[in-house]
Amino acid sequence: MEIRELLKEEQPPMELLLLADPSEALVSQYLKRGKCYVAVLDNEIIGEYVLLPTRPDTVEIVNVAVAENHQGKGIGKRLVKHAIQQAMKQGHKTIEIGTGNSGVAQLALYQKCGFRMTSIDRDFFIRHYSEPIYENGIQVVDMVRLSQDL
């Protein structure tokens, strides 16, 4: 498996991007400002993340997804670790990530990759999404914010 920046002539992998964020409008918006990286196996894009500069010296992973038939194989962890390396190469001092309050697996993954919880953005998903989102039988309401010093 290779992880690389999405080529300019390639279309963003919207099906994967929408797995992590159901708002096509928000995804399109941050794709314009960030860089999309893809995990490729046998010429097929099976995972992705988007790295978005947010403040001086700070970058955020705003979307991470792995194709459902490839989940549970450590690809998500490899993508997050790759994002951390890219942020360091680009000279950033801090990397951030956020996930919904019900994202138990995501919270575990991010902490295994060295992130620490920093805050909760209450009602984030109520304010930014017109339709309710459910995960693990729980409505996604709050954004749990995590960061890591590089």
Protein backbone atom coordinates (compact mmCIF):
# COMPACT_ATOMS: atom_id res chain seq x y z
CA MET A 1 0.00 0.00 0.00
CA GLU A 2 1.19 3.49 -0.91
CA ILE A 3 0.06 6.74 0.73
CA ARG A 4 0.48 9.80 -1.49
CA GLU A 5 -0.99 13.20 -2.23
CA LEU A 6 -3.98 13.12 -4.57
CA LEU A 7 -2.80 14.04 -8.05
CA LYS A 8 -4.16 17.24 -9.60
CA GLU A 9 -5.76 15.28 -12.46
CA GLU A 10 -7.49 12.84 -10.07
CA GLN A 11 -10.98 13.39 -8.74
CA PRO A 12 -11.26 13.43 -4.93
CA PRO A 13 -12.58 10.09 -3.60
CA MET A 14 -16.00 11.53 -2.62
CA GLU A 15 -17.46 8.18 -1.57
CA LEU A 16 -14.70 7.82 1.04
CA LEU A 17 -14.76 11.49 2.04
CA LEU A 18 -18.51 11.26 2.66
CA LEU A 19 -17.99 8.20 4.89
CA ALA A 20 -16.21 10.48 7.36
CA ASP A 21 -18.27 13.62 6.76
CA PRO A 22 -21.80 13.37 5.31
CA SER A 23 -21.88 17.01 4.16
CA GLU A 24 -20.82 17.27 0.52
CA ALA A 25 -20.82 21.08 0.86
CA LEU A 26 -18.40 21.03 3.82
CA VAL A 27 -16.17 18.42 2.16
CA SER A 28 -15.97 20.47 -1.05
CA GLN A 29 -15.18 23.57 0.99
CA TYR A 30 -12.23 22.12 2.88
CA LEU A 31 -10.89 20.25 -0.16
CA LYS A 32 -10.33 23.67 -1.77
CA ARG A 33 -8.19 24.84 1.16
CA GLY A 34 -6.48 21.61 2.19
CA LYS A 35 -4.49 18.75 0.69
CA CYS A 36 -6.01 15.31 0.17
CA TYR A 37 -3.80 12.26 0.63
CA VAL A 38 -4.86 8.79 -0.50
CA ALA A 39 -3.98 5.21 0.38
CA VAL A 40 -3.68 3.17 -2.80
CA LEU A 41 -3.67 -0.63 -3.00
CA ASP A 42 -3.62 -2.44 -6.35
CA ASN A 43 -4.42 0.85 -8.18
CA GLU A 44 -7.53 1.37 -6.02
CA ILE A 45 -7.96 4.23 -3.53
CA ILE A 46 -8.92 2.51 -0.27
CA GLY A 47 -8.37 5.33 2.21
CA GLU A 48 -7.85 9.06 2.49
CA TYR A 49 -7.28 12.01 4.77
CA VAL A 50 -7.34 15.77 4.31
CA LEU A 51 -4.79 18.05 5.94
CA LEU A 52 -5.94 21.64 6.36
CA PRO A 53 -3.82 24.55 7.67
CA THR A 54 -5.95 26.37 10.25
CA ARG A 55 -3.72 28.86 12.09
CA PRO A 56 -0.04 29.80 11.97
CA ASP A 57 2.01 26.67 12.73
CA THR A 58 -1.16 24.54 13.08
CA VAL A 59 -2.74 22.02 10.75
CA GLU A 60 -5.85 19.89 11.20
CA ILE A 61 -6.78 16.46 9.91
CA VAL A 62 -10.35 17.23 8.85
CA ASN A 63 -11.33 13.93 7.27
CA VAL A 64 -10.03 10.35 7.61
CA ALA A 65 -11.74 7.37 6.01
CA VAL A 66 -10.99 3.80 5.00
CA ALA A 67 -13.16 1.80 2.61
CA GLU A 68 -15.46 -0.43 4.64
CA ASN A 69 -14.05 -3.66 3.19
CA HIS A 70 -10.53 -2.59 4.30
CA GLN A 71 -11.38 -1.41 7.83
CA GLY A 72 -9.84 -3.17 10.82
CA LYS A 73 -6.50 -3.73 9.07
CA GLY A 74 -4.51 -0.83 10.55
CA ILE A 75 -4.92 1.41 7.50
CA GLY A 76 -6.57 4.21 9.49
CA LYS A 77 -3.65 4.24 11.91
CA ARG A 78 -1.18 4.36 9.02
CA LEU A 79 -3.09 7.29 7.51
CA VAL A 80 -3.06 9.24 10.79
CA LYS A 81 0.65 8.53 11.33
CA HIS A 82 1.33 9.66 7.73
CA ALA A 83 -0.60 12.88 8.39
CA ILE A 84 1.54 13.54 11.47
CA GLN A 85 4.71 13.03 9.40
CA GLN A 86 3.44 15.33 6.65
CA ALA A 87 2.60 18.04 9.20
CA MET A 88 6.11 17.79 10.63
CA LYS A 89 7.70 17.94 7.14
CA GLN A 90 5.62 21.05 6.39
CA GLY A 91 7.00 22.73 9.52
CA HIS A 92 3.84 22.80 11.62
CA LYS A 93 4.17 22.84 15.41
CA THR A 94 0.71 21.45 16.25
CA ILE A 95 -1.65 18.99 14.60
CA GLU A 96 -5.32 18.80 15.54
CA ILE A 97 -8.19 16.43 14.85
CA GLY A 98 -11.82 16.24 15.91
CA THR A 99 -14.44 13.53 16.04
CA GLY A 100 -18.02 13.10 17.15
CA ASN A 101 -18.87 12.32 20.76
CA SER A 102 -19.97 8.81 19.74
CA GLY A 103 -16.78 7.96 17.80
CA VAL A 104 -15.40 5.49 20.33
CA ALA A 105 -13.09 3.71 17.85
CA GLN A 106 -11.85 7.02 16.46
CA LEU A 107 -11.10 8.41 19.92
CA ALA A 108 -9.11 5.28 20.75
CA LEU A 109 -7.20 5.43 17.45
CA TYR A 110 -6.28 9.10 17.78
CA GLN A 111 -5.04 8.63 21.35
CA LYS A 112 -2.96 5.60 20.27
CA CYS A 113 -1.38 7.91 17.69
CA GLY A 114 -0.37 10.42 20.39
CA PHE A 115 -3.27 12.89 20.36
CA ARG A 116 -4.68 14.26 23.63
CA MET A 117 -8.15 15.61 24.21
CA THR A 118 -8.19 19.39 24.44
CA SER A 119 -11.83 20.50 24.33
CA ILE A 120 -15.42 19.76 23.43
CA ASP A 121 -17.23 21.92 20.87
CA ARG A 122 -20.75 21.55 22.23
CA ASP A 123 -23.56 21.15 19.67
CA PHE A 124 -21.08 21.30 16.74
CA PHE A 125 -23.01 18.72 14.70
CA ILE A 126 -26.35 20.38 15.47
CA ARG A 127 -25.03 23.74 14.22
CA HIS A 128 -23.28 22.46 11.08
CA TYR A 129 -25.47 19.60 9.80
CA SER A 130 -29.13 19.87 8.85
CA GLU A 131 -29.84 16.14 9.34
CA PRO A 132 -29.15 14.28 12.59
CA ILE A 133 -26.17 11.90 12.44
CA TYR A 134 -26.11 8.66 14.43
CA GLU A 135 -23.11 6.49 15.18
CA ASN A 136 -23.01 3.44 17.45
CA GLY A 137 -26.69 4.10 18.23
CA ILE A 138 -25.86 7.53 19.68
CA GLN A 139 -26.72 10.87 18.11
CA VAL A 140 -23.56 12.76 17.19
CA VAL A 141 -23.98 16.14 18.86
CA ASP A 142 -20.62 17.36 20.18
CA MET A 143 -17.17 17.52 18.55
CA VAL A 144 -14.36 16.15 20.71
CA ARG A 145 -11.20 18.07 19.83
CA LEU A 146 -7.74 16.52 20.17
CA SER A 147 -4.25 17.84 19.42
CA GLN A 148 -0.61 16.87 19.44
CA ASP A 149 2.52 19.00 19.67
CA LEU A 150 4.99 18.13 16.92
